[in-house]
């Protein structure tokens, strides 16, 4: 259990500058504010929040980016499919394949 706690602390707490933390907090707040002003499905807010978190994790080179990014890719793929955005669906399928590939590498 301590090993898992140490890994989670390394991925989500340590190694971030003040700018990284302020950026993530402000972008998450912006996602929530926009959702409150223009409510949409729960799936869209999950997609937005996981997108912000995965972007910061990717910029920091964290391995957990792939897992959070996987959630973002799946939720955006569902949203794109519901709105008949075929090009976006194809792009998200590509990202899904690269997420799986990245996890295994």
N, C-alpha and C. Protein backbone atom coordinates (compact mmCIF):
# COMPACT_ATOMS: atom_id res chain seq x y z
N UNK A 1 0.82 -1.20 0.00
CA UNK A 1 0.00 0.00 0.00
C UNK A 1 0.86 1.25 0.00
N UNK A 2 1.96 1.22 0.76
CA UNK A 2 2.85 2.38 0.79
C UNK A 2 3.50 2.63 -0.56
N UNK A 3 3.76 1.55 -1.30
CA UNK A 3 4.36 1.68 -2.63
C UNK A 3 3.40 2.39 -3.59
N UNK A 4 2.13 2.03 -3.53
CA UNK A 4 1.12 2.68 -4.37
C UNK A 4 0.98 4.14 -3.98
N UNK A 5 0.97 4.42 -2.68
CA UNK A 5 0.87 5.79 -2.20
C UNK A 5 2.05 6.62 -2.68
N UNK A 6 3.23 6.03 -2.66
CA UNK A 6 4.44 6.72 -3.10
C UNK A 6 4.39 7.02 -4.60
N UNK A 7 3.90 6.05 -5.37
CA UNK A 7 3.77 6.26 -6.82
C UNK A 7 2.76 7.36 -7.12
N UNK A 8 1.63 7.34 -6.43
CA UNK A 8 0.60 8.37 -6.65
C UNK A 8 1.11 9.76 -6.25
N UNK A 9 1.85 9.84 -5.16
CA UNK A 9 2.43 11.13 -4.76
C UNK A 9 3.41 11.62 -5.81
N UNK A 10 4.22 10.72 -6.34
CA UNK A 10 5.21 11.09 -7.35
C UNK A 10 4.53 11.60 -8.62
N UNK A 11 3.42 10.96 -9.01
CA UNK A 11 2.74 11.32 -10.24
C UNK A 11 1.92 12.60 -10.11
N UNK A 12 1.25 12.79 -8.97
CA UNK A 12 0.28 13.87 -8.87
C UNK A 12 0.64 15.01 -7.93
N UNK A 13 1.67 14.87 -7.11
CA UNK A 13 2.00 15.93 -6.14
C UNK A 13 3.38 16.50 -6.37
N UNK A 14 4.38 15.66 -6.51
CA UNK A 14 5.77 16.13 -6.63
C UNK A 14 6.13 16.47 -8.08
N UNK A 15 7.04 17.42 -8.24
CA UNK A 15 7.58 17.74 -9.56
C UNK A 15 6.81 18.82 -10.31
N UNK A 16 5.96 19.54 -9.63
CA UNK A 16 5.18 20.60 -10.28
C UNK A 16 5.64 21.96 -9.79
N UNK A 17 5.78 22.90 -10.71
CA UNK A 17 6.12 24.26 -10.33
C UNK A 17 4.85 25.00 -9.92
N UNK A 18 5.02 26.19 -9.41
CA UNK A 18 3.87 27.01 -9.03
C UNK A 18 3.01 27.31 -10.25
N UNK A 19 3.67 27.59 -11.38
CA UNK A 19 2.92 27.85 -12.61
C UNK A 19 2.09 26.65 -13.02
N UNK A 20 2.65 25.44 -12.92
CA UNK A 20 1.91 24.23 -13.28
C UNK A 20 0.66 24.08 -12.42
N UNK A 21 0.83 24.30 -11.14
CA UNK A 21 -0.32 24.15 -10.23
C UNK A 21 -1.38 25.22 -10.48
N UNK A 22 -0.94 26.47 -10.67
CA UNK A 22 -1.90 27.54 -10.95
C UNK A 22 -2.60 27.32 -12.28
N UNK A 23 -1.86 26.84 -13.28
CA UNK A 23 -2.45 26.57 -14.58
C UNK A 23 -3.52 25.50 -14.47
N UNK A 24 -3.20 24.40 -13.80
CA UNK A 24 -4.16 23.31 -13.68
C UNK A 24 -5.40 23.75 -12.90
N UNK A 25 -5.19 24.45 -11.81
CA UNK A 25 -6.33 24.91 -10.99
C UNK A 25 -7.20 25.88 -11.78
N UNK A 26 -6.58 26.82 -12.48
CA UNK A 26 -7.37 27.80 -13.22
C UNK A 26 -8.11 27.16 -14.40
N UNK A 27 -7.49 26.22 -15.08
CA UNK A 27 -8.16 25.55 -16.20
C UNK A 27 -9.29 24.63 -15.72
N UNK A 28 -9.09 23.96 -14.59
CA UNK A 28 -10.17 23.16 -14.03
C UNK A 28 -11.33 24.03 -13.58
N UNK A 29 -11.01 25.16 -12.96
CA UNK A 29 -12.06 26.10 -12.54
C UNK A 29 -12.81 26.64 -13.75
N UNK A 30 -12.08 26.94 -14.82
CA UNK A 30 -12.71 27.42 -16.04
C UNK A 30 -13.65 26.37 -16.64
N UNK A 31 -13.24 25.10 -16.63
CA UNK A 31 -14.10 24.03 -17.12
C UNK A 31 -15.40 23.96 -16.30
N UNK A 32 -15.27 24.07 -14.99
CA UNK A 32 -16.44 23.98 -14.13
C UNK A 32 -17.34 25.20 -14.30
N UNK A 33 -16.76 26.38 -14.41
CA UNK A 33 -17.55 27.60 -14.61
C UNK A 33 -18.33 27.55 -15.91
N UNK A 34 -17.67 27.13 -16.98
CA UNK A 34 -18.35 27.03 -18.28
C UNK A 34 -19.46 25.99 -18.21
N UNK A 35 -19.22 24.89 -17.50
CA UNK A 35 -20.26 23.87 -17.36
C UNK A 35 -21.45 24.41 -16.58
N UNK A 36 -21.21 25.25 -15.59
CA UNK A 36 -22.31 25.83 -14.82
C UNK A 36 -23.10 26.83 -15.67
N UNK A 37 -22.38 27.64 -16.46
CA UNK A 37 -23.05 28.64 -17.30
C UNK A 37 -23.81 27.98 -18.45
N UNK A 38 -23.15 27.03 -19.11
CA UNK A 38 -23.75 26.33 -20.25
C UNK A 38 -23.78 24.83 -19.94
N UNK A 39 -24.76 24.39 -19.18
CA UNK A 39 -24.77 22.98 -18.78
C UNK A 39 -24.91 22.04 -19.98
N UNK A 40 -24.20 20.97 -19.91
CA UNK A 40 -24.23 19.94 -20.95
C UNK A 40 -24.28 18.60 -20.23
N UNK A 41 -23.95 17.55 -20.92
CA UNK A 41 -24.00 16.22 -20.30
C UNK A 41 -22.87 16.04 -19.29
N UNK A 42 -23.05 15.10 -18.41
CA UNK A 42 -22.01 14.76 -17.45
C UNK A 42 -20.76 14.24 -18.17
N UNK A 43 -20.98 13.58 -19.28
CA UNK A 43 -19.88 13.04 -20.08
C UNK A 43 -18.97 14.17 -20.59
N UNK A 44 -19.55 15.30 -20.93
CA UNK A 44 -18.75 16.42 -21.44
C UNK A 44 -17.87 17.04 -20.36
N UNK A 45 -18.36 17.13 -19.13
CA UNK A 45 -17.53 17.69 -18.07
C UNK A 45 -16.43 16.71 -17.68
N UNK A 46 -16.70 15.42 -17.72
CA UNK A 46 -15.67 14.42 -17.47
C UNK A 46 -14.59 14.52 -18.55
N UNK A 47 -15.02 14.68 -19.78
CA UNK A 47 -14.08 14.82 -20.89
C UNK A 47 -13.23 16.08 -20.73
N UNK A 48 -13.83 17.19 -20.37
CA UNK A 48 -13.09 18.44 -20.20
C UNK A 48 -12.09 18.39 -19.06
N UNK A 49 -12.53 17.88 -17.93
CA UNK A 49 -11.64 17.81 -16.76
C UNK A 49 -10.49 16.85 -17.01
N UNK A 50 -10.80 15.68 -17.56
CA UNK A 50 -9.72 14.72 -17.84
C UNK A 50 -8.79 15.24 -18.93
N UNK A 51 -9.31 16.06 -19.85
CA UNK A 51 -8.46 16.66 -20.88
C UNK A 51 -7.46 17.64 -20.29
N UNK A 52 -7.91 18.46 -19.35
CA UNK A 52 -7.00 19.40 -18.69
C UNK A 52 -5.93 18.66 -17.90
N UNK A 53 -6.35 17.68 -17.12
CA UNK A 53 -5.40 16.93 -16.30
C UNK A 53 -4.40 16.18 -17.17
N UNK A 54 -4.88 15.54 -18.23
CA UNK A 54 -3.97 14.78 -19.09
C UNK A 54 -3.00 15.68 -19.83
N UNK A 55 -3.41 16.89 -20.19
CA UNK A 55 -2.51 17.82 -20.85
C UNK A 55 -1.35 18.22 -19.94
N UNK A 56 -1.66 18.52 -18.70
CA UNK A 56 -0.61 18.89 -17.74
C UNK A 56 0.30 17.70 -17.46
N UNK A 57 -0.29 16.52 -17.30
CA UNK A 57 0.52 15.32 -17.05
C UNK A 57 1.43 15.00 -18.23
N UNK A 58 0.92 15.19 -19.43
CA UNK A 58 1.74 14.94 -20.63
C UNK A 58 2.88 15.93 -20.71
N UNK A 59 2.61 17.19 -20.40
CA UNK A 59 3.65 18.21 -20.43
C UNK A 59 4.75 17.93 -19.42
N UNK A 60 4.40 17.30 -18.31
CA UNK A 60 5.38 16.97 -17.28
C UNK A 60 6.04 15.61 -17.51
N UNK A 61 5.58 14.87 -18.54
CA UNK A 61 6.18 13.58 -18.85
C UNK A 61 5.81 12.48 -17.87
N UNK A 62 4.65 12.57 -17.28
CA UNK A 62 4.20 11.58 -16.30
C UNK A 62 3.55 10.39 -17.01
N UNK A 63 3.80 9.20 -16.53
CA UNK A 63 3.24 7.99 -17.13
C UNK A 63 1.72 7.91 -16.92
N UNK A 64 1.22 8.52 -15.88
CA UNK A 64 -0.22 8.48 -15.63
C UNK A 64 -1.01 9.26 -16.67
N UNK A 65 -0.31 10.03 -17.50
CA UNK A 65 -0.96 10.73 -18.61
C UNK A 65 -1.75 9.76 -19.47
N UNK A 66 -1.19 8.58 -19.71
CA UNK A 66 -1.84 7.62 -20.59
C UNK A 66 -3.17 7.14 -20.03
N UNK A 67 -3.26 6.96 -18.74
CA UNK A 67 -4.50 6.47 -18.14
C UNK A 67 -5.58 7.56 -18.11
N UNK A 68 -5.20 8.76 -17.73
CA UNK A 68 -6.16 9.88 -17.73
C UNK A 68 -6.52 10.25 -19.18
N UNK A 69 -5.52 10.23 -20.05
CA UNK A 69 -5.76 10.52 -21.46
C UNK A 69 -6.67 9.49 -22.11
N UNK A 70 -6.59 8.26 -21.65
CA UNK A 70 -7.47 7.20 -22.15
C UNK A 70 -8.92 7.53 -21.82
N UNK A 71 -9.16 8.01 -20.62
CA UNK A 71 -10.52 8.41 -20.22
C UNK A 71 -10.99 9.56 -21.09
N UNK A 72 -10.12 10.55 -21.30
CA UNK A 72 -10.48 11.70 -22.11
C UNK A 72 -10.78 11.28 -23.55
N UNK A 73 -9.97 10.40 -24.09
CA UNK A 73 -10.16 9.97 -25.47
C UNK A 73 -11.46 9.20 -25.65
N UNK A 74 -11.75 8.30 -24.72
CA UNK A 74 -12.99 7.52 -24.81
C UNK A 74 -14.21 8.43 -24.69
N UNK A 75 -14.19 9.34 -23.73
CA UNK A 75 -15.36 10.22 -23.56
C UNK A 75 -15.54 11.14 -24.76
N UNK A 76 -14.44 11.65 -25.31
CA UNK A 76 -14.57 12.53 -26.48
C UNK A 76 -15.01 11.74 -27.70
N UNK A 77 -14.56 10.50 -27.82
CA UNK A 77 -15.00 9.65 -28.92
C UNK A 77 -16.51 9.43 -28.86
N UNK A 78 -17.03 9.20 -27.67
CA UNK A 78 -18.48 9.02 -27.50
C UNK A 78 -19.21 10.30 -27.87
N UNK A 79 -18.72 11.44 -27.40
CA UNK A 79 -19.37 12.71 -27.72
C UNK A 79 -19.33 13.00 -29.22
N UNK A 80 -18.20 12.74 -29.85
CA UNK A 80 -18.08 12.97 -31.29
C UNK A 80 -19.01 12.04 -32.06
N UNK A 81 -19.13 10.80 -31.62
CA UNK A 81 -20.00 9.84 -32.29
C UNK A 81 -21.48 10.27 -32.16
N UNK A 82 -21.86 10.75 -30.99
CA UNK A 82 -23.23 11.21 -30.77
C UNK A 82 -23.59 12.39 -31.67
N UNK A 83 -22.60 13.20 -32.03
CA UNK A 83 -22.84 14.39 -32.84
C UNK A 83 -22.44 14.20 -34.30
N UNK A 84 -22.18 12.98 -34.70
CA UNK A 84 -21.84 12.61 -36.07
C UNK A 84 -20.63 13.37 -36.60
N UNK A 85 -19.62 13.53 -35.77
CA UNK A 85 -18.37 14.17 -36.19
C UNK A 85 -17.40 13.06 -36.60
N UNK A 86 -17.53 12.61 -37.84
CA UNK A 86 -16.82 11.43 -38.30
C UNK A 86 -15.30 11.64 -38.26
N UNK A 87 -14.83 12.79 -38.69
CA UNK A 87 -13.40 13.07 -38.68
C UNK A 87 -12.83 13.05 -37.27
N UNK A 88 -13.57 13.60 -36.34
CA UNK A 88 -13.15 13.58 -34.94
C UNK A 88 -13.13 12.16 -34.39
N UNK A 89 -14.09 11.35 -34.80
CA UNK A 89 -14.12 9.95 -34.36
C UNK A 89 -12.88 9.21 -34.84
N UNK A 90 -12.51 9.42 -36.10
CA UNK A 90 -11.33 8.77 -36.66
C UNK A 90 -10.07 9.24 -35.92
N UNK A 91 -10.00 10.53 -35.63
CA UNK A 91 -8.85 11.06 -34.89
C UNK A 91 -8.77 10.47 -33.49
N UNK A 92 -9.90 10.35 -32.81
CA UNK A 92 -9.90 9.80 -31.46
C UNK A 92 -9.57 8.31 -31.45
N UNK A 93 -9.96 7.60 -32.51
CA UNK A 93 -9.57 6.19 -32.61
C UNK A 93 -8.06 6.08 -32.74
N UNK A 94 -7.45 6.98 -33.53
CA UNK A 94 -6.00 7.01 -33.64
C UNK A 94 -5.36 7.28 -32.28
N UNK A 95 -5.88 8.27 -31.56
CA UNK A 95 -5.36 8.59 -30.23
C UNK A 95 -5.54 7.42 -29.27
N UNK A 96 -6.66 6.72 -29.38
CA UNK A 96 -6.91 5.56 -28.53
C UNK A 96 -5.85 4.48 -28.76
N UNK A 97 -5.53 4.23 -30.03
CA UNK A 97 -4.50 3.25 -30.35
C UNK A 97 -3.15 3.69 -29.81
N UNK A 98 -2.82 4.98 -29.94
CA UNK A 98 -1.54 5.47 -29.45
C UNK A 98 -1.48 5.46 -27.92
N UNK A 99 -2.62 5.66 -27.26
CA UNK A 99 -2.65 5.57 -25.80
C UNK A 99 -2.32 4.14 -25.34
N UNK A 100 -2.94 3.17 -25.97
CA UNK A 100 -2.68 1.78 -25.63
C UNK A 100 -1.22 1.44 -25.92
N UNK A 101 -0.74 1.90 -27.08
CA UNK A 101 0.65 1.67 -27.45
C UNK A 101 1.60 2.30 -26.42
N UNK A 102 1.31 3.51 -26.00
CA UNK A 102 2.14 4.21 -25.02
C UNK A 102 2.17 3.52 -23.67
N UNK A 103 1.04 2.97 -23.26
CA UNK A 103 0.99 2.27 -21.98
C UNK A 103 1.89 1.04 -22.02
N UNK A 104 1.86 0.32 -23.12
CA UNK A 104 2.68 -0.90 -23.21
C UNK A 104 4.16 -0.59 -23.37
N UNK A 105 4.49 0.53 -23.99
CA UNK A 105 5.90 0.89 -24.12
C UNK A 105 6.43 1.46 -22.83
